[in-house]
Amino acid sequence: MKTAAALAVGFVAFIHINILILEMFLWEKPAGLRAFGLSREFAAQTRVLAANQGLYNGFLAAGLIWGLWTGTIYVQQFFLGCVLVAGIYGALTANVKILWIQAMPALAGLVLVGLV
């Protein structure tokens, strides 16, 4: 169970590293436009906001990696909880697909970490 929990936490961190890359570096590129369903005009107008949001996603990934590195369960739970709340909020306010991309993997991670 410990290995499954660590893999789940690592997967959520991986998701957030990818979101960081998309939001900070690829926002106006074809990959970013496709991932978020953006027009070139909207992406150009919101690139600074997206980069800021990407940085926050990087902090979530860093916290999850820190929790894995130190083996500290409560750090992993805290950052998974942050991701879960952010995913639910994003699904309610932006796009329901965020529920499946962010919130559900975080919830699965919380369940697995709680079983360790």
Protein backbone atom coordinates (compact mmCIF):
# COMPACT_ATOMS: atom_id res chain seq x y z
CA MET A 1 0.00 0.00 0.00
CA LYS A 2 2.90 2.31 0.74
CA THR A 3 4.18 1.96 -2.83
CA ALA A 4 0.73 2.64 -4.30
CA ALA A 5 0.40 5.74 -2.12
CA ALA A 6 3.82 7.03 -3.17
CA LEU A 7 2.99 6.42 -6.84
CA ALA A 8 -0.30 8.30 -6.47
CA VAL A 9 1.41 11.28 -4.80
CA GLY A 10 4.11 11.21 -7.48
CA PHE A 11 1.47 11.12 -10.21
CA VAL A 12 -0.31 14.19 -8.80
CA ALA A 13 3.06 15.99 -8.60
CA PHE A 14 3.74 14.99 -12.23
CA ILE A 15 0.36 16.40 -13.30
CA HIS A 16 1.18 19.72 -11.65
CA ILE A 17 4.65 19.92 -13.17
CA ASN A 18 2.98 19.49 -16.55
CA ILE A 19 0.40 22.15 -15.75
CA LEU A 20 3.25 24.47 -14.72
CA ILE A 21 4.97 23.90 -18.07
CA LEU A 22 1.75 24.47 -20.02
CA GLU A 23 0.79 27.62 -18.13
CA MET A 24 4.22 29.22 -17.79
CA PHE A 25 5.95 28.26 -21.03
CA LEU A 26 3.45 26.90 -23.55
CA TRP A 27 0.38 29.07 -22.91
CA GLU A 28 0.53 30.77 -26.33
CA LYS A 29 1.95 27.75 -28.17
CA PRO A 30 -0.17 25.12 -29.96
CA ALA A 31 0.11 22.69 -27.02
CA GLY A 32 -1.14 25.27 -24.53
CA LEU A 33 -3.88 26.53 -26.82
CA ARG A 34 -5.06 22.96 -27.40
CA ALA A 35 -4.83 21.89 -23.74
CA PHE A 36 -6.93 24.78 -22.50
CA GLY A 37 -9.09 25.36 -25.60
CA LEU A 38 -7.90 28.96 -26.01
CA SER A 39 -7.89 31.37 -28.89
CA ARG A 40 -4.55 33.03 -29.71
CA GLU A 41 -6.03 36.40 -28.77
CA PHE A 42 -7.24 35.27 -25.35
CA ALA A 43 -3.94 33.50 -24.64
CA ALA A 44 -2.00 36.66 -25.49
CA GLN A 45 -4.21 38.74 -23.18
CA THR A 46 -3.92 36.31 -20.26
CA ARG A 47 -0.35 35.03 -20.50
CA VAL A 48 0.86 36.84 -17.36
CA LEU A 49 -2.09 35.53 -15.35
CA ALA A 50 -1.45 32.02 -16.66
CA ALA A 51 2.24 32.19 -15.75
CA ASN A 52 1.32 33.24 -12.22
CA GLN A 53 -1.13 30.35 -11.96
CA GLY A 54 1.52 28.00 -13.33
CA LEU A 55 3.89 29.08 -10.58
CA TYR A 56 1.30 28.16 -7.95
CA ASN A 57 0.86 24.75 -9.57
CA GLY A 58 4.62 24.37 -9.31
CA PHE A 59 4.42 25.06 -5.58
CA LEU A 60 1.85 22.28 -5.25
CA ALA A 61 4.17 19.90 -7.10
CA ALA A 62 7.12 20.98 -4.94
CA GLY A 63 5.14 20.35 -1.76
CA LEU A 64 4.14 16.89 -2.92
CA ILE A 65 7.72 16.06 -3.89
CA TRP A 66 8.92 17.38 -0.51
CA GLY A 67 6.40 15.10 1.21
CA LEU A 68 7.65 12.12 -0.79
CA TRP A 69 11.30 13.01 -0.25
CA THR A 70 10.94 13.26 3.53
CA GLY A 71 8.36 10.49 3.78
CA THR A 72 6.17 12.81 5.83
CA ILE A 73 2.57 11.67 5.50
CA TYR A 74 0.99 14.85 6.87
CA VAL A 75 2.90 16.98 4.32
CA GLN A 76 1.61 14.73 1.54
CA GLN A 77 -1.92 14.95 2.95
CA PHE A 78 -1.77 18.73 3.24
CA PHE A 79 -0.68 19.27 -0.37
CA LEU A 80 -3.07 16.62 -1.72
CA GLY A 81 -5.82 18.44 0.19
CA CYS A 82 -4.77 21.73 -1.41
CA VAL A 83 -4.92 20.12 -4.85
CA LEU A 84 -8.32 18.60 -4.08
CA VAL A 85 -9.78 21.95 -3.00
CA ALA A 86 -8.24 23.74 -6.00
CA GLY A 87 -9.59 21.06 -8.33
CA ILE A 88 -13.11 21.28 -6.93
CA TYR A 89 -13.06 25.07 -7.07
CA GLY A 90 -11.72 25.01 -10.63
CA ALA A 91 -14.41 22.53 -11.68
CA LEU A 92 -17.12 24.74 -10.20
CA THR A 93 -15.83 28.03 -11.59
CA ALA A 94 -13.86 27.28 -14.76
CA ASN A 95 -14.21 23.85 -16.36
CA VAL A 96 -15.67 20.61 -15.01
CA LYS A 97 -12.82 18.67 -16.63
CA ILE A 98 -10.56 20.03 -13.85
CA LEU A 99 -12.44 17.76 -11.46
CA TRP A 100 -11.08 14.71 -13.30
CA ILE A 101 -7.60 16.07 -14.04
CA GLN A 102 -6.78 17.49 -10.60
CA ALA A 103 -9.35 16.67 -7.93
CA MET A 104 -9.92 12.95 -8.51
CA PRO A 105 -6.22 11.98 -8.63
CA ALA A 106 -5.70 14.02 -5.45
CA LEU A 107 -8.63 12.30 -3.76
CA ALA A 108 -7.28 8.88 -4.76
CA GLY A 109 -3.89 9.91 -3.36
CA LEU A 110 -5.48 11.05 -0.09
CA VAL A 111 -7.28 7.73 0.28
CA LEU A 112 -4.12 5.73 -0.42
CA VAL A 113 -1.92 7.86 1.83
CA GLY A 114 -4.55 7.53 4.56
CA LEU A 115 -4.30 3.75 4.33
CA VAL A 116 -0.53 3.72 4.90
